[in-house]
C-alpha atoms as a PDB file:
ATOM      1  CA  UNK A   1       1.936  13.484   5.154  1.00  0.00           C
ATOM      2  CA  UNK A   2       4.699  14.102   7.644  1.00  0.00           C
ATOM      3  CA  UNK A   3       2.669  12.590  10.514  1.00  0.00           C
ATOM      4  CA  UNK A   4       1.915   9.303   8.749  1.00  0.00           C
ATOM      5  CA  UNK A   5       3.989   6.194   9.317  1.00  0.00           C
ATOM      6  CA  UNK A   6       3.952   3.126   7.103  1.00  0.00           C
ATOM      7  CA  UNK A   7       1.667   1.088   9.431  1.00  0.00           C
ATOM      8  CA  UNK A   8      -0.942   3.865   9.048  1.00  0.00           C
ATOM      9  CA  UNK A   9      -1.422   2.706   5.458  1.00  0.00           C
ATOM     10  CA  UNK A  10      -2.700  -0.745   6.493  1.00  0.00           C
ATOM     11  CA  UNK A  11      -6.148  -1.144   4.967  1.00  0.00           C
ATOM     12  CA  UNK A  12      -5.308   1.291   2.161  1.00  0.00           C
ATOM     13  CA  UNK A  13      -5.307   0.536  -1.543  1.00  0.00           C
ATOM     14  CA  UNK A  14      -1.709   0.921  -2.725  1.00  0.00           C
ATOM     15  CA  UNK A  15       0.104   0.777  -6.044  1.00  0.00           C
ATOM     16  CA  UNK A  16       3.380  -1.147  -5.914  1.00  0.00           C
ATOM     17  CA  UNK A  17       5.768  -1.084  -8.865  1.00  0.00           C
ATOM     18  CA  UNK A  18       8.009  -4.137  -8.863  1.00  0.00           C
ATOM     19  CA  UNK A  19      10.766  -5.353 -11.131  1.00  0.00           C
ATOM     20  CA  UNK A  20      10.053  -6.466 -14.704  1.00  0.00           C
ATOM     21  CA  UNK A  21       7.659  -3.534 -15.382  1.00  0.00           C
ATOM     22  CA  UNK A  22       4.885  -4.997 -13.231  1.00  0.00           C
ATOM     23  CA  UNK A  23       2.498  -3.064 -11.046  1.00  0.00           C
ATOM     24  CA  UNK A  24       0.548  -4.639  -8.207  1.00  0.00           C
ATOM     25  CA  UNK A  25      -2.584  -2.887  -6.971  1.00  0.00           C
ATOM     26  CA  UNK A  26      -4.039  -4.170  -3.730  1.00  0.00           C
ATOM     27  CA  UNK A  27      -5.021  -3.556  -0.132  1.00  0.00           C
ATOM     28  CA  UNK A  28      -2.148  -3.448   2.338  1.00  0.00           C
ATOM     29  CA  UNK A  29      -2.836  -6.074   5.003  1.00  0.00           C
ATOM     30  CA  UNK A  30       0.483  -6.248   6.849  1.00  0.00           C
ATOM     31  CA  UNK A  31       4.167  -5.478   6.726  1.00  0.00           C
ATOM     32  CA  UNK A  32       7.135  -6.764   8.678  1.00  0.00           C
ATOM     33  CA  UNK A  33      10.297  -5.191  10.049  1.00  0.00           C
ATOM     34  CA  UNK A  34      12.036  -5.739   6.702  1.00  0.00           C
ATOM     35  CA  UNK A  35       9.205  -3.947   4.806  1.00  0.00           C
ATOM     36  CA  UNK A  36       7.982  -7.052   3.007  1.00  0.00           C
ATOM     37  CA  UNK A  37       4.316  -6.457   2.167  1.00  0.00           C
ATOM     38  CA  UNK A  38       1.214  -8.616   2.413  1.00  0.00           C
ATOM     39  CA  UNK A  39      -1.425  -7.432  -0.070  1.00  0.00           C
ATOM     40  CA  UNK A  40      -4.979  -8.698  -0.551  1.00  0.00           C
ATOM     41  CA  UNK A  41      -7.397  -8.427  -3.462  1.00  0.00           C
ATOM     42  CA  UNK A  42      -4.425  -7.842  -5.764  1.00  0.00           C
ATOM     43  CA  UNK A  43      -4.472  -7.122  -9.471  1.00  0.00           C
ATOM     44  CA  UNK A  44      -1.253  -7.473 -11.440  1.00  0.00           C
ATOM     45  CA  UNK A  45      -0.858  -5.046 -14.331  1.00  0.00           C
ATOM     46  CA  UNK A  46       1.765  -5.703 -17.001  1.00  0.00           C
ATOM     47  CA  UNK A  47       1.535  -3.611 -20.138  1.00  0.00           C
ATOM     48  CA  UNK A  48      -1.984  -4.023 -21.507  1.00  0.00           C
ATOM     49  CA  UNK A  49      -2.901  -7.096 -19.460  1.00  0.00           C
ATOM     50  CA  UNK A  50      -4.410  -7.326 -15.997  1.00  0.00           C
ATOM     51  CA  UNK A  51      -5.047 -10.401 -13.855  1.00  0.00           C
ATOM     52  CA  UNK A  52      -6.376 -11.028 -10.350  1.00  0.00           C
ATOM     53  CA  UNK A  53      -3.970 -12.631  -7.890  1.00  0.00           C
ATOM     54  CA  UNK A  54      -5.790 -12.516  -4.549  1.00  0.00           C
ATOM     55  CA  UNK A  55      -3.550 -12.544  -1.443  1.00  0.00           C
ATOM     56  CA  UNK A  56       0.186 -12.209  -2.095  1.00  0.00           C
ATOM     57  CA  UNK A  57       3.448 -11.459  -0.341  1.00  0.00           C
ATOM     58  CA  UNK A  58       5.743  -8.889  -1.963  1.00  0.00           C
ATOM     59  CA  UNK A  59       9.425  -9.124  -0.981  1.00  0.00           C
ATOM     60  CA  UNK A  60      10.950  -5.740  -0.186  1.00  0.00           C
ATOM     61  CA  UNK A  61      13.868  -6.407  -2.541  1.00  0.00           C
ATOM     62  CA  UNK A  62      11.501  -6.414  -5.545  1.00  0.00           C
ATOM     63  CA  UNK A  63       9.765  -3.101  -4.733  1.00  0.00           C
ATOM     64  CA  UNK A  64      10.705  -0.101  -6.870  1.00  0.00           C
ATOM     65  CA  UNK A  65       7.999   2.304  -5.664  1.00  0.00           C
ATOM     66  CA  UNK A  66       4.834   2.484  -3.577  1.00  0.00           C
ATOM     67  CA  UNK A  67       2.081   5.009  -4.290  1.00  0.00           C
ATOM     68  CA  UNK A  68      -1.265   5.950  -2.761  1.00  0.00           C
ATOM     69  CA  UNK A  69      -3.989   8.035  -4.407  1.00  0.00           C
ATOM     70  CA  UNK A  70      -4.049  11.657  -3.230  1.00  0.00           C
ATOM     71  CA  UNK A  71      -7.656  11.475  -1.985  1.00  0.00           C
ATOM     72  CA  UNK A  72      -6.877   8.409   0.104  1.00  0.00           C
ATOM     73  CA  UNK A  73      -3.756  10.059   1.505  1.00  0.00           C
ATOM     74  CA  UNK A  74      -5.783  13.098   2.562  1.00  0.00           C
ATOM     75  CA  UNK A  75      -8.346  10.832   4.273  1.00  0.00           C
ATOM     76  CA  UNK A  76      -5.568   9.032   6.153  1.00  0.00           C
ATOM     77  CA  UNK A  77      -4.130  12.346   7.346  1.00  0.00           C
ATOM     78  CA  UNK A  78      -7.543  13.565   8.548  1.00  0.00           C
ATOM     79  CA  UNK A  79      -8.245  10.277  10.330  1.00  0.00           C
ATOM     80  CA  UNK A  80      -4.885  10.362  12.087  1.00  0.00           C
ATOM     81  CA  UNK A  81      -5.488  13.947  13.238  1.00  0.00           C
ATOM     82  CA  UNK A  82      -8.914  13.007  14.632  1.00  0.00           C
ATOM     83  CA  UNK A  83      -7.491   9.997  16.462  1.00  0.00           C
ATOM     84  CA  UNK A  84      -4.631  11.999  17.940  1.00  0.00           C
ATOM     85  CA  UNK A  85      -7.043  14.649  19.282  1.00  0.00           C
ATOM     86  CA  UNK A  86      -9.242  11.980  20.898  1.00  0.00           C
ATOM     87  CA  UNK A  87      -6.282  10.324  22.613  1.00  0.00           C
ATOM     88  CA  UNK A  88      -4.953  13.526  24.186  1.00  0.00           C
END
């Protein structure tokens, strides 16, 4: 994971815990220099309920944690290694 940078996660399904015990699960579309996130195909999970939100912006100030599934992380690392070997 040491070779990955945050922009490498664009296109990945991420789990974002925000304030008020809410989790947002969606595909990372973009980020800015302040680490605000743009997520697509988002589901909001609060307790036992889940609802679809679509495309949303998540302000950095509301983010408590960001997680990626282990299998997806391993795929990102492999892809980055392949790309770096092709560039050299």
